[in-house]
Amino acid sequence: MVIQADVPQLQTALAAGAVVLDVREAFEFASGHVPGAVSMPMHLVPLRLDEIPQERDLYVICAAGNRSWQVAHFLGERGINVINVVGGTMAWHSAGLPIETGSLPSQAVSGGTHA
């Protein structure tokens, strides 16, 4: 079972210091993402598991929620506390919330180190 969160829940989590993993491709991330989100395209997640924090909740986001659900399911099966953001970046943008632009594809996930 994948835990789901909507945009208001993500806003609250971000205010409390949540980590947001954006699993869209680098060009999608560069065109606009949730402020503070970390870029890790879906196909790289299995290769970069050691960068994903296990000691706190991880919010996973994509454009609309499909890719992030798949990644959340994958990570959840590995014991990581993960939450899928329903509606993704499109819902965030539609809610009139701020979007950052620019690409940081090699950025590490804060609090990483897979045990």
PDB file of N, CA and C in Angstrom:
ATOM      1  N   MET A   1       0.836  -1.185   0.000  1.00  0.00           N
ATOM      2  CA  MET A   1       0.000   0.000   0.000  1.00  0.00           C
ATOM      3  C   MET A   1       0.882   1.251   0.000  1.00  0.00           C
ATOM      4  N   VAL A   2       0.569   2.174  -0.872  1.00  0.00           N
ATOM      5  CA  VAL A   2       1.311   3.426  -0.964  1.00  0.00           C
ATOM      6  C   VAL A   2       0.528   4.519  -0.250  1.00  0.00           C
ATOM      7  N   ILE A   3       1.181   5.186   0.685  1.00  0.00           N
ATOM      8  CA  ILE A   3       0.553   6.314   1.384  1.00  0.00           C
ATOM      9  C   ILE A   3       0.504   7.492   0.421  1.00  0.00           C
ATOM     10  N   GLN A   4      -0.609   8.218   0.435  1.00  0.00           N
ATOM     11  CA  GLN A   4      -0.821   9.347  -0.469  1.00  0.00           C
ATOM     12  C   GLN A   4      -0.944  10.642   0.329  1.00  0.00           C
ATOM     13  N   ALA A   5      -0.505  11.728  -0.276  1.00  0.00           N
ATOM     14  CA  ALA A   5      -0.683  13.059   0.310  1.00  0.00           C
ATOM     15  C   ALA A   5      -1.110  14.003  -0.798  1.00  0.00           C
ATOM     16  N   ASP A   6      -1.933  14.981  -0.438  1.00  0.00           N
ATOM     17  CA  ASP A   6      -2.313  15.985  -1.425  1.00  0.00           C
ATOM     18  C   ASP A   6      -1.411  17.215  -1.264  1.00  0.00           C
ATOM     19  N   VAL A   7      -1.638  18.212  -2.081  1.00  0.00           N
ATOM     20  CA  VAL A   7      -0.788  19.404  -2.077  1.00  0.00           C
ATOM     21  C   VAL A   7      -0.808  20.132  -0.723  1.00  0.00           C
ATOM     22  N   PRO A   8      -1.984  20.346  -0.092  1.00  0.00           N
ATOM     23  CA  PRO A   8      -1.948  20.997   1.232  1.00  0.00           C
ATOM     24  C   PRO A   8      -1.139  20.200   2.252  1.00  0.00           C
ATOM     25  N   GLN A   9      -1.221  18.878   2.206  1.00  0.00           N
ATOM     26  CA  GLN A   9      -0.434  18.060   3.123  1.00  0.00           C
ATOM     27  C   GLN A   9       1.055  18.199   2.823  1.00  0.00           C
ATOM     28  N   LEU A  10       1.409  18.280   1.542  1.00  0.00           N
ATOM     29  CA  LEU A  10       2.810  18.486   1.172  1.00  0.00           C
ATOM     30  C   LEU A  10       3.289  19.843   1.668  1.00  0.00           C
ATOM     31  N   GLN A  11       2.469  20.868   1.528  1.00  0.00           N
ATOM     32  CA  GLN A  11       2.835  22.206   2.030  1.00  0.00           C
ATOM     33  C   GLN A  11       3.168  22.156   3.515  1.00  0.00           C
ATOM     34  N   THR A  12       2.327  21.503   4.281  1.00  0.00           N
ATOM     35  CA  THR A  12       2.544  21.381   5.718  1.00  0.00           C
ATOM     36  C   THR A  12       3.840  20.631   6.002  1.00  0.00           C
ATOM     37  N   ALA A  13       4.056  19.544   5.263  1.00  0.00           N
ATOM     38  CA  ALA A  13       5.268  18.740   5.456  1.00  0.00           C
ATOM     39  C   ALA A  13       6.517  19.540   5.101  1.00  0.00           C
ATOM     40  N   LEU A  14       6.449  20.320   4.035  1.00  0.00           N
ATOM     41  CA  LEU A  14       7.598  21.146   3.640  1.00  0.00           C
ATOM     42  C   LEU A  14       7.932  22.168   4.723  1.00  0.00           C
ATOM     43  N   ALA A  15       6.910  22.760   5.297  1.00  0.00           N
ATOM     44  CA  ALA A  15       7.130  23.739   6.367  1.00  0.00           C
ATOM     45  C   ALA A  15       7.829  23.097   7.565  1.00  0.00           C
ATOM     46  N   ALA A  16       7.645  21.788   7.717  1.00  0.00           N
ATOM     47  CA  ALA A  16       8.281  21.052   8.815  1.00  0.00           C
ATOM     48  C   ALA A  16       9.616  20.441   8.401  1.00  0.00           C
ATOM     49  N   GLY A  17      10.071  20.736   7.168  1.00  0.00           N
ATOM     50  CA  GLY A  17      11.382  20.272   6.730  1.00  0.00           C
ATOM     51  C   GLY A  17      11.401  18.964   5.960  1.00  0.00           C
ATOM     52  N   ALA A  18      10.284  18.578   5.376  1.00  0.00           N
ATOM     53  CA  ALA A  18      10.211  17.326   4.616  1.00  0.00           C
ATOM     54  C   ALA A  18      11.148  17.336   3.413  1.00  0.00           C
ATOM     55  N   VAL A  19      11.565  16.141   3.020  1.00  0.00           N
ATOM     56  CA  VAL A  19      12.366  15.954   1.812  1.00  0.00           C
ATOM     57  C   VAL A  19      11.412  15.591   0.685  1.00  0.00           C
ATOM     58  N   VAL A  20      11.570  16.275  -0.468  1.00  0.00           N
ATOM     59  CA  VAL A  20      10.745  16.006  -1.645  1.00  0.00           C
ATOM     60  C   VAL A  20      11.650  15.520  -2.760  1.00  0.00           C
ATOM     61  N   LEU A  21      11.345  14.345  -3.274  1.00  0.00           N
ATOM     62  CA  LEU A  21      12.097  13.737  -4.360  1.00  0.00           C
ATOM     63  C   LEU A  21      11.273  13.845  -5.627  1.00  0.00           C
ATOM     64  N   ASP A  22      11.773  14.589  -6.606  1.00  0.00           N
ATOM     65  CA  ASP A  22      11.098  14.777  -7.893  1.00  0.00           C
ATOM     66  C   ASP A  22      11.672  13.760  -8.872  1.00  0.00           C
ATOM     67  N   VAL A  23      10.822  12.839  -9.341  1.00  0.00           N
ATOM     68  CA  VAL A  23      11.300  11.740 -10.170  1.00  0.00           C
ATOM     69  C   VAL A  23      11.063  11.955 -11.666  1.00  0.00           C
ATOM     70  N   ARG A  24      10.773  13.184 -12.050  1.00  0.00           N
ATOM     71  CA  ARG A  24      10.627  13.493 -13.476  1.00  0.00           C
ATOM     72  C   ARG A  24      12.009  13.587 -14.119  1.00  0.00           C
ATOM     73  N   GLU A  25      12.025  13.631 -15.431  1.00  0.00           N
ATOM     74  CA  GLU A  25      13.280  13.791 -16.159  1.00  0.00           C
ATOM     75  C   GLU A  25      13.866  15.175 -15.867  1.00  0.00           C
ATOM     76  N   ALA A  26      15.165  15.318 -16.063  1.00  0.00           N
ATOM     77  CA  ALA A  26      15.877  16.564 -15.737  1.00  0.00           C
ATOM     78  C   ALA A  26      15.276  17.777 -16.451  1.00  0.00           C
ATOM     79  N   PHE A  27      14.875  17.620 -17.716  1.00  0.00           N
ATOM     80  CA  PHE A  27      14.310  18.763 -18.453  1.00  0.00           C
ATOM     81  C   PHE A  27      12.965  19.182 -17.856  1.00  0.00           C
ATOM     82  N   GLU A  28      12.196  18.223 -17.325  1.00  0.00           N
ATOM     83  CA  GLU A  28      10.922  18.547 -16.690  1.00  0.00           C
ATOM     84  C   GLU A  28      11.172  19.287 -15.376  1.00  0.00           C
ATOM     85  N   PHE A  29      12.118  18.783 -14.609  1.00  0.00           N
ATOM     86  CA  PHE A  29      12.491  19.404 -13.343  1.00  0.00           C
ATOM     87  C   PHE A  29      12.945  20.840 -13.577  1.00  0.00           C
ATOM     88  N   ALA A  30      13.789  21.043 -14.583  1.00  0.00           N
ATOM     89  CA  ALA A  30      14.325  22.373 -14.881  1.00  0.00           C
ATOM     90  C   ALA A  30      13.222  23.352 -15.276  1.00  0.00           C
ATOM     91  N   SER A  31      12.158  22.853 -15.893  1.00  0.00           N
ATOM     92  CA  SER A  31      11.092  23.742 -16.352  1.00  0.00           C
ATOM     93  C   SER A  31      10.204  24.236 -15.207  1.00  0.00           C
ATOM     94  N   GLY A  32      10.265  23.581 -14.057  1.00  0.00           N
ATOM     95  CA  GLY A  32       9.506  24.037 -12.900  1.00  0.00           C
ATOM     96  C   GLY A  32       9.275  22.926 -11.905  1.00  0.00           C
ATOM     97  N   HIS A  33       9.644  23.180 -10.638  1.00  0.00           N
ATOM     98  CA  HIS A  33       9.518  22.170  -9.592  1.00  0.00           C
ATOM     99  C   HIS A  33       9.177  22.816  -8.255  1.00  0.00           C
ATOM    100  N   VAL A  34       8.718  21.982  -7.328  1.00  0.00           N
ATOM    101  CA  VAL A  34       8.422  22.428  -5.970  1.00  0.00           C
ATOM    102  C   VAL A  34       9.720  22.950  -5.354  1.00  0.00           C
ATOM    103  N   PRO A  35       9.704  24.139  -4.757  1.00  0.00           N
ATOM    104  CA  PRO A  35      10.919  24.679  -4.157  1.00  0.00           C
ATOM    105  C   PRO A  35      11.553  23.704  -3.164  1.00  0.00           C
ATOM    106  N   GLY A  36      12.852  23.511  -3.330  1.00  0.00           N
ATOM    107  CA  GLY A  36      13.593  22.626  -2.445  1.00  0.00           C
ATOM    108  C   GLY A  36      13.582  21.163  -2.849  1.00  0.00           C
ATOM    109  N   ALA A  37      12.800  20.808  -3.864  1.00  0.00           N
ATOM    110  CA  ALA A  37      12.750  19.411  -4.305  1.00  0.00           C
ATOM    111  C   ALA A  37      14.104  18.986  -4.869  1.00  0.00           C
ATOM    112  N   VAL A  38      14.389  17.709  -4.727  1.00  0.00           N
ATOM    113  CA  VAL A  38      15.622  17.126  -5.237  1.00  0.00           C
ATOM    114  C   VAL A  38      15.286  16.325  -6.481  1.00  0.00           C
ATOM    115  N   SER A  39      16.058  16.517  -7.532  1.00  0.00           N
ATOM    116  CA  SER A  39      15.834  15.805  -8.786  1.00  0.00           C
ATOM    117  C   SER A  39      16.539  14.449  -8.772  1.00  0.00           C
ATOM    118  N   MET A  40      15.749  13.398  -9.025  1.00  0.00           N
ATOM    119  CA  MET A  40      16.302  12.062  -9.212  1.00  0.00           C
ATOM    120  C   MET A  40      15.354  11.349 -10.179  1.00  0.00           C
ATOM    121  N   PRO A  41      15.640  11.435 -11.489  1.00  0.00           N
ATOM    122  CA  PRO A  41      14.750  10.796 -12.459  1.00  0.00           C
ATOM    123  C   PRO A  41      14.464   9.339 -12.100  1.00  0.00           C
ATOM    124  N   MET A  42      13.240   8.944 -12.373  1.00  0.00           N
ATOM    125  CA  MET A  42      12.732   7.622 -12.003  1.00  0.00           C
ATOM    126  C   MET A  42      13.709   6.495 -12.332  1.00  0.00           C
ATOM    127  N   HIS A  43      14.296   6.526 -13.504  1.00  0.00           N
ATOM    128  CA  HIS A  43      15.174   5.428 -13.921  1.00  0.00           C
ATOM    129  C   HIS A  43      16.472   5.357 -13.108  1.00  0.00           C
ATOM    130  N   LEU A  44      16.808   6.433 -12.392  1.00  0.00           N
ATOM    131  CA  LEU A  44      18.026   6.443 -11.582  1.00  0.00           C
ATOM    132  C   LEU A  44      17.797   6.023 -10.126  1.00  0.00           C
ATOM    133  N   VAL A  45      16.554   5.991  -9.696  1.00  0.00           N
ATOM    134  CA  VAL A  45      16.259   5.679  -8.291  1.00  0.00           C
ATOM    135  C   VAL A  45      16.893   4.359  -7.843  1.00  0.00           C
ATOM    136  N   PRO A  46      16.729   3.255  -8.597  1.00  0.00           N
ATOM    137  CA  PRO A  46      17.352   1.993  -8.132  1.00  0.00           C
ATOM    138  C   PRO A  46      18.877   2.073  -8.024  1.00  0.00           C
ATOM    139  N   LEU A  47      19.484   2.942  -8.826  1.00  0.00           N
ATOM    140  CA  LEU A  47      20.937   3.077  -8.826  1.00  0.00           C
ATOM    141  C   LEU A  47      21.440   3.993  -7.715  1.00  0.00           C
ATOM    142  N   ARG A  48      20.547   4.793  -7.130  1.00  0.00           N
ATOM    143  CA  ARG A  48      20.954   5.790  -6.140  1.00  0.00           C
ATOM    144  C   ARG A  48      20.277   5.578  -4.782  1.00  0.00           C
ATOM    145  N   LEU A  49      19.894   4.348  -4.493  1.00  0.00           N
ATOM    146  CA  LEU A  49      19.211   4.050  -3.230  1.00  0.00           C
ATOM    147  C   LEU A  49      19.998   4.511  -2.010  1.00  0.00           C
ATOM    148  N   ASP A  50      21.326   4.466  -2.104  1.00  0.00           N
ATOM    149  CA  ASP A  50      22.151   4.856  -0.955  1.00  0.00           C
ATOM    150  C   ASP A  50      22.043   6.341  -0.618  1.00  0.00           C
ATOM    151  N   GLU A  51      21.460   7.135  -1.498  1.00  0.00           N
ATOM    152  CA  GLU A  51      21.287   8.570  -1.249  1.00  0.00           C
ATOM    153  C   GLU A  51      19.940   8.904  -0.616  1.00  0.00           C
ATOM    154  N   ILE A  52      19.073   7.925  -0.523  1.00  0.00           N
ATOM    155  CA  ILE A  52      17.711   8.180  -0.064  1.00  0.00           C
ATOM    156  C   ILE A  52      17.613   7.961   1.439  1.00  0.00           C
ATOM    157  N   PRO A  53      17.153   8.999   2.163  1.00  0.00           N
ATOM    158  CA  PRO A  53      17.065   8.873   3.625  1.00  0.00           C
ATOM    159  C   PRO A  53      16.015   7.851   4.049  1.00  0.00           C
ATOM    160  N   GLN A  54      16.338   7.118   5.093  1.00  0.00           N
ATOM    161  CA  GLN A  54      15.396   6.136   5.619  1.00  0.00           C
ATOM    162  C   GLN A  54      14.870   6.544   6.987  1.00  0.00           C
ATOM    163  N   GLU A  55      15.472   7.545   7.591  1.00  0.00           N
ATOM    164  CA  GLU A  55      15.119   7.907   8.961  1.00  0.00           C
ATOM    165  C   GLU A  55      13.948   8.883   9.055  1.00  0.00           C
ATOM    166  N   ARG A  56      13.412   9.337   7.933  1.00  0.00           N
ATOM    167  CA  ARG A  56      12.258  10.240   7.966  1.00  0.00           C
ATOM    168  C   ARG A  56      11.439  10.077   6.692  1.00  0.00           C
ATOM    169  N   ASP A  57      10.252  10.662   6.693  1.00  0.00           N
ATOM    170  CA  ASP A  57       9.366  10.544   5.549  1.00  0.00           C
ATOM    171  C   ASP A  57       9.955  11.211   4.313  1.00  0.00           C
ATOM    172  N   LEU A  58       9.697  10.595   3.182  1.00  0.00           N
ATOM    173  CA  LEU A  58      10.156  11.095   1.893  1.00  0.00           C
ATOM    174  C   LEU A  58       8.935  11.274   1.006  1.00  0.00           C
ATOM    175  N   TYR A  59       8.716  12.481   0.525  1.00  0.00           N
ATOM    176  CA  TYR A  59       7.602  12.770  -0.378  1.00  0.00           C
ATOM    177  C   TYR A  59       8.115  12.649  -1.807  1.00  0.00           C
ATOM    178  N   VAL A  60       7.422  11.851  -2.607  1.00  0.00           N
ATOM    179  CA  VAL A  60       7.832  11.624  -3.990  1.00  0.00           C
ATOM    180  C   VAL A  60       6.812  12.285  -4.897  1.00  0.00           C
ATOM    181  N   ILE A  61       7.321  13.046  -5.883  1.00  0.00           N
ATOM    182  CA  ILE A  61       6.458  13.808  -6.772  1.00  0.00           C
ATOM    183  C   ILE A  61       6.924  13.646  -8.215  1.00  0.00           C
ATOM    184  N   CYS A  62       5.962  13.736  -9.132  1.00  0.00           N
ATOM    185  CA  CYS A  62       6.276  13.762 -10.566  1.00  0.00           C
ATOM    186  C   CYS A  62       5.352  14.810 -11.184  1.00  0.00           C
ATOM    187  N   ALA A  63       4.971  14.637 -12.432  1.00  0.00           N
ATOM    188  CA  ALA A  63       4.090  15.611 -13.071  1.00  0.00           C
ATOM    189  C   ALA A  63       2.658  15.499 -12.552  1.00  0.00           C
ATOM    190  N   ALA A  64       2.100  14.264 -12.533  1.00  0.00           N
ATOM    191  CA  ALA A  64       0.701  14.087 -12.165  1.00  0.00           C
ATOM    192  C   ALA A  64       0.464  13.035 -11.090  1.00  0.00           C
ATOM    193  N   GLY A  65       1.434  12.202 -10.789  1.00  0.00           N
ATOM    194  CA  GLY A  65       1.279  11.219  -9.731  1.00  0.00           C
ATOM    195  C   GLY A  65       1.503   9.773 -10.121  1.00  0.00           C
ATOM    196  N   ASN A  66       1.618   9.471 -11.410  1.00  0.00           N
ATOM    197  CA  ASN A  66       1.798   8.085 -11.831  1.00  0.00           C
ATOM    198  C   ASN A  66       3.219   7.581 -11.588  1.00  0.00           C
ATOM    199  N   ARG A  67       4.202   8.294 -12.099  1.00  0.00           N
ATOM    200  CA  ARG A  67       5.595   7.873 -11.897  1.00  0.00           C
ATOM    201  C   ARG A  67       5.960   7.889 -10.420  1.00  0.00           C
ATOM    202  N   SER A  68       5.499   8.919  -9.719  1.00  0.00           N
ATOM    203  CA  SER A  68       5.830   9.004  -8.295  1.00  0.00           C
ATOM    204  C   SER A  68       5.196   7.848  -7.525  1.00  0.00           C
ATOM    205  N   TRP A  69       3.989   7.421  -7.918  1.00  0.00           N
ATOM    206  CA  TRP A  69       3.366   6.279  -7.254  1.00  0.00           C
ATOM    207  C   TRP A  69       4.220   5.030  -7.460  1.00  0.00           C
ATOM    208  N   GLN A  70       4.707   4.833  -8.687  1.00  0.00           N
ATOM    209  CA  GLN A  70       5.543   3.666  -8.973  1.00  0.00           C
ATOM    210  C   GLN A  70       6.824   3.688  -8.134  1.00  0.00           C
ATOM    211  N   VAL A  71       7.456   4.850  -8.039  1.00  0.00           N
ATOM    212  CA  VAL A  71       8.685   4.972  -7.245  1.00  0.00           C
ATOM    213  C   VAL A  71       8.362   4.790  -5.755  1.00  0.00           C
ATOM    214  N   ALA A  72       7.262   5.368  -5.301  1.00  0.00           N
ATOM    215  CA  ALA A  72       6.871   5.214  -3.898  1.00  0.00           C
ATOM    216  C   ALA A  72       6.642   3.739  -3.569  1.00  0.00           C
ATOM    217  N   HIS A  73       6.005   3.034  -4.455  1.00  0.00           N
ATOM    218  CA  HIS A  73       5.770   1.600  -4.250  1.00  0.00           C
ATOM    219  C   HIS A  73       7.109   0.857  -4.176  1.00  0.00           C
ATOM    220  N   PHE A  74       8.010   1.147  -5.097  1.00  0.00           N
ATOM    221  CA  PHE A  74       9.338   0.527  -5.139  1.00  0.00           C
ATOM    222  C   PHE A  74      10.103   0.793  -3.841  1.00  0.00           C
ATOM    223  N   LEU A  75      10.121   2.044  -3.403  1.00  0.00           N
ATOM    224  CA  LEU A  75      10.856   2.407  -2.191  1.00  0.00           C
ATOM    225  C   LEU A  75      10.190   1.842  -0.940  1.00  0.00           C
ATOM    226  N   GLY A  76       8.869   1.861  -0.911  1.00  0.00           N
ATOM    227  CA  GLY A  76       8.142   1.326   0.227  1.00  0.00           C
ATOM    228  C   GLY A  76       8.422  -0.156   0.442  1.00  0.00           C
ATOM    229  N   GLU A  77       8.555  -0.889  -0.662  1.00  0.00           N
ATOM    230  CA  GLU A  77       8.888  -2.310  -0.565  1.00  0.00           C
ATOM    231  C   GLU A  77      10.274  -2.530   0.026  1.00  0.00           C
ATOM    232  N   ARG A  78      11.098  -1.501   0.025  1.00  0.00           N
ATOM    233  CA  ARG A  78      12.446  -1.576   0.578  1.00  0.00           C
ATOM    234  C   ARG A  78      12.525  -0.969   1.969  1.00  0.00           C
ATOM    235  N   GLY A  79      11.370  -0.726   2.570  1.00  0.00           N
ATOM    236  CA  GLY A  79      11.320  -0.260   3.950  1.00  0.00           C
ATOM    237  C   GLY A  79      11.504   1.225   4.147  1.00  0.00           C
ATOM    238  N   ILE A  80      11.457   2.000   3.079  1.00  0.00           N
ATOM    239  CA  ILE A  80      11.626   3.448   3.191  1.00  0.00           C
ATOM    240  C   ILE A  80      10.261   4.090   3.449  1.00  0.00           C
ATOM    241  N   ASN A  81      10.214   5.044   4.369  1.00  0.00           N
ATOM    242  CA  ASN A  81       8.975   5.769   4.680  1.00  0.00           C
ATOM    243  C   ASN A  81       8.702   6.769   3.564  1.00  0.00           C
ATOM    244  N   VAL A  82       7.797   6.410   2.684  1.00  0.00           N
ATOM    245  CA  VAL A  82       7.582   7.205   1.477  1.00  0.00           C
ATOM    246  C   VAL A  82       6.104   7.539   1.297  1.00  0.00           C
ATOM    247  N   ILE A  83       5.869   8.736   0.767  1.00  0.00           N
ATOM    248  CA  ILE A  83       4.516   9.228   0.534  1.00  0.00           C
ATOM    249  C   ILE A  83       4.449   9.756  -0.890  1.00  0.00           C
ATOM    250  N   ASN A  84       3.444   9.317  -1.635  1.00  0.00           N
ATOM    251  CA  ASN A  84       3.230   9.785  -3.001  1.00  0.00           C
ATOM    252  C   ASN A  84       2.393  11.063  -2.980  1.00  0.00           C
ATOM    253  N   VAL A  85       2.799  12.057  -3.758  1.00  0.00           N
ATOM    254  CA  VAL A  85       2.052  13.308  -3.850  1.00  0.00           C
ATOM    255  C   VAL A  85       1.041  13.197  -4.990  1.00  0.00           C
ATOM    256  N   VAL A  86      -0.231  13.120  -4.621  1.00  0.00           N
ATOM    257  CA  VAL A  86      -1.326  12.987  -5.582  1.00  0.00           C
ATOM    258  C   VAL A  86      -1.443  14.273  -6.410  1.00  0.00           C
ATOM    259  N   GLY A  87      -1.521  14.113  -7.714  1.00  0.00           N
ATOM    260  CA  GLY A  87      -1.666  15.266  -8.600  1.00  0.00           C
ATOM    261  C   GLY A  87      -0.348  15.880  -9.005  1.00  0.00           C
ATOM    262  N   GLY A  88       0.709  15.553  -8.282  1.00  0.00           N
ATOM    263  CA  GLY A  88       2.062  15.965  -8.641  1.00  0.00           C
ATOM    264  C   GLY A  88       2.273  17.461  -8.759  1.00  0.00           C
ATOM    265  N   THR A  89       3.277  17.782  -9.554  1.00  0.00           N
ATOM    266  CA  THR A  89       3.669  19.180  -9.748  1.00  0.00           C
ATOM    267  C   THR A  89       2.562  19.978 -10.430  1.00  0.00           C
ATOM    268  N   MET A  90       1.766  19.315 -11.265  1.00  0.00           N
ATOM    269  CA  MET A  90       0.645  20.018 -11.914  1.00  0.00           C
ATOM    270  C   MET A  90      -0.355  20.516 -10.863  1.00  0.00           C
ATOM    271  N   ALA A  91      -0.638  19.692  -9.851  1.00  0.00           N
ATOM    272  CA  ALA A  91      -1.561  20.107  -8.789  1.00  0.00           C
ATOM    273  C   ALA A  91      -0.949  21.239  -7.965  1.00  0.00           C
ATOM    274  N   TRP A  92       0.354  21.146  -7.707  1.00  0.00           N
ATOM    275  CA  TRP A  92       1.062  22.189  -6.962  1.00  0.00           C
ATOM    276  C   TRP A  92       0.944  23.521  -7.709  1.00  0.00           C
ATOM    277  N   HIS A  93       1.229  23.492  -8.998  1.00  0.00           N
ATOM    278  CA  HIS A  93       1.170  24.698  -9.828  1.00  0.00           C
ATOM    279  C   HIS A  93      -0.264  25.214  -9.930  1.00  0.00           C
ATOM    280  N   SER A  94      -1.228  24.315 -10.116  1.00  0.00           N
ATOM    281  CA  SER A  94      -2.637  24.705 -10.222  1.00  0.00           C
ATOM    282  C   SER A  94      -3.146  25.366  -8.952  1.00  0.00           C
ATOM    283  N   ALA A  95      -2.552  25.012  -7.822  1.00  0.00           N
ATOM    284  CA  ALA A  95      -2.940  25.618  -6.546  1.00  0.00           C
ATOM    285  C   ALA A  95      -2.337  27.008  -6.370  1.00  0.00           C
ATOM    286  N   GLY A  96      -1.560  27.448  -7.368  1.00  0.00           N
ATOM    287  CA  GLY A  96      -0.963  28.781  -7.307  1.00  0.00           C
ATOM    288  C   GLY A  96       0.247  28.873  -6.405  1.00  0.00           C
ATOM    289  N   LEU A  97       0.850  27.732  -6.111  1.00  0.00           N
ATOM    290  CA  LEU A  97       2.020  27.713  -5.223  1.00  0.00           C
ATOM    291  C   LEU A  97       3.296  27.999  -6.005  1.00  0.00           C
ATOM    292  N   PRO A  98       4.335  28.476  -5.325  1.00  0.00           N
ATOM    293  CA  PRO A  98       5.566  28.863  -6.026  1.00  0.00           C
ATOM    294  C   PRO A  98       6.273  27.682  -6.688  1.00  0.00           C
ATOM    295  N   ILE A  99       6.869  27.990  -7.808  1.00  0.00           N
ATOM    296  CA  ILE A  99       7.625  27.008  -8.594  1.00  0.00           C
ATOM    297  C   ILE A  99       9.029  27.565  -8.792  1.00  0.00           C
ATOM    298  N   GLU A 100      10.032  26.721  -8.598  1.00  0.00           N
ATOM    299  CA  GLU A 100      11.414  27.093  -8.914  1.00  0.00           C
ATOM    300  C   GLU A 100      11.741  26.538 -10.299  1.00  0.00           C
ATOM    301  N   THR A 101      12.632  27.221 -10.994  1.00  0.00           N
ATOM    302  CA  THR A 101      13.118  26.714 -12.275  1.00  0.00           C
ATOM    303  C   THR A 101      14.626  26.541 -12.182  1.00  0.00           C
ATOM    304  N   GLY A 102      15.170  25.804 -13.114  1.00  0.00           N
ATOM    305  CA  GLY A 102      16.598  25.538 -13.123  1.00  0.00           C
ATOM    306  C   GLY A 102      16.844  24.072 -12.851  1.00  0.00           C
ATOM    307  N   SER A 103      18.011  23.618 -13.240  1.00  0.00           N
ATOM    308  CA  SER A 103      18.320  22.202 -13.147  1.00  0.00           C
ATOM    309  C   SER A 103      19.412  21.926 -12.130  1.00  0.00           C
ATOM    310  N   LEU A 104      19.153  20.965 -11.260  1.00  0.00           N
ATOM    311  CA  LEU A 104      20.135  20.497 -10.291  1.00  0.00           C
ATOM    312  C   LEU A 104      20.145  18.969 -10.324  1.00  0.00           C
ATOM    313  N   PRO A 105      20.393  18.362 -11.477  1.00  0.00           N
ATOM    314  CA  PRO A 105      20.245  16.912 -11.589  1.00  0.00           C
ATOM    315  C   PRO A 105      21.180  16.088 -10.730  1.00  0.00           C
ATOM    316  N   SER A 106      22.309  16.628 -10.315  1.00  0.00           N
ATOM    317  CA  SER A 106      23.251  15.825  -9.534  1.00  0.00           C
ATOM    318  C   SER A 106      23.131  16.070  -8.035  1.00  0.00           C
ATOM    319  N   GLN A 107      22.158  16.888  -7.637  1.00  0.00           N
ATOM    320  CA  GLN A 107      21.969  17.218  -6.231  1.00  0.00           C
ATOM    321  C   GLN A 107      21.668  15.956  -5.423  1.00  0.00           C
ATOM    322  N   ALA A 108      22.310  15.818  -4.284  1.00  0.00           N
ATOM    323  CA  ALA A 108      22.073  14.665  -3.413  1.00  0.00           C
ATOM    324  C   ALA A 108      20.856  14.906  -2.539  1.00  0.00           C
ATOM    325  N   VAL A 109      20.242  13.853  -2.103  1.00  0.00           N
ATOM    326  CA  VAL A 109      19.095  13.934  -1.222  1.00  0.00           C
ATOM    327  C   VAL A 109      19.597  14.231   0.178  1.00  0.00           C
ATOM    328  N   SER A 110      19.070  15.299   0.783  1.00  0.00           N
ATOM    329  CA  SER A 110      19.480  15.690   2.123  1.00  0.00           C
ATOM    330  C   SER A 110      19.168  14.593   3.133  1.00  0.00           C
ATOM    331  N   GLY A 111      20.124  14.314   3.968  1.00  0.00           N
ATOM    332  CA  GLY A 111      19.908  13.321   5.008  1.00  0.00           C
ATOM    333  C   GLY A 111      20.083  11.895   4.517  1.00  0.00           C
ATOM    334  N   GLY A 112      20.728  11.737   3.389  1.00  0.00           N
ATOM    335  CA  GLY A 112      20.878  10.427   2.749  1.00  0.00           C
ATOM    336  C   GLY A 112      21.670   9.413   3.535  1.00  0.00           C
ATOM    337  N   THR A 113      22.158   8.465   2.884  1.00  0.00           N
ATOM    338  CA  THR A 113      22.915   7.311   3.349  1.00  0.00           C
ATOM    339  C   THR A 113      22.003   6.169   3.716  1.00  0.00           C
ATOM    340  N   HIS A 114      21.936   5.274   2.837  1.00  0.00           N
ATOM    341  CA  HIS A 114      21.137   4.058   2.973  1.00  0.00           C
ATOM    342  C   HIS A 114      21.885   3.103   3.880  1.00  0.00           C
ATOM    343  N   ALA A 115      21.253   2.651   4.944  1.00  0.00           N
ATOM    344  CA  ALA A 115      21.912   1.778   5.916  1.00  0.00           C
ATOM    345  C   ALA A 115      21.937   0.346   5.462  1.00  0.00           C
TER     346      ALA A 115
END
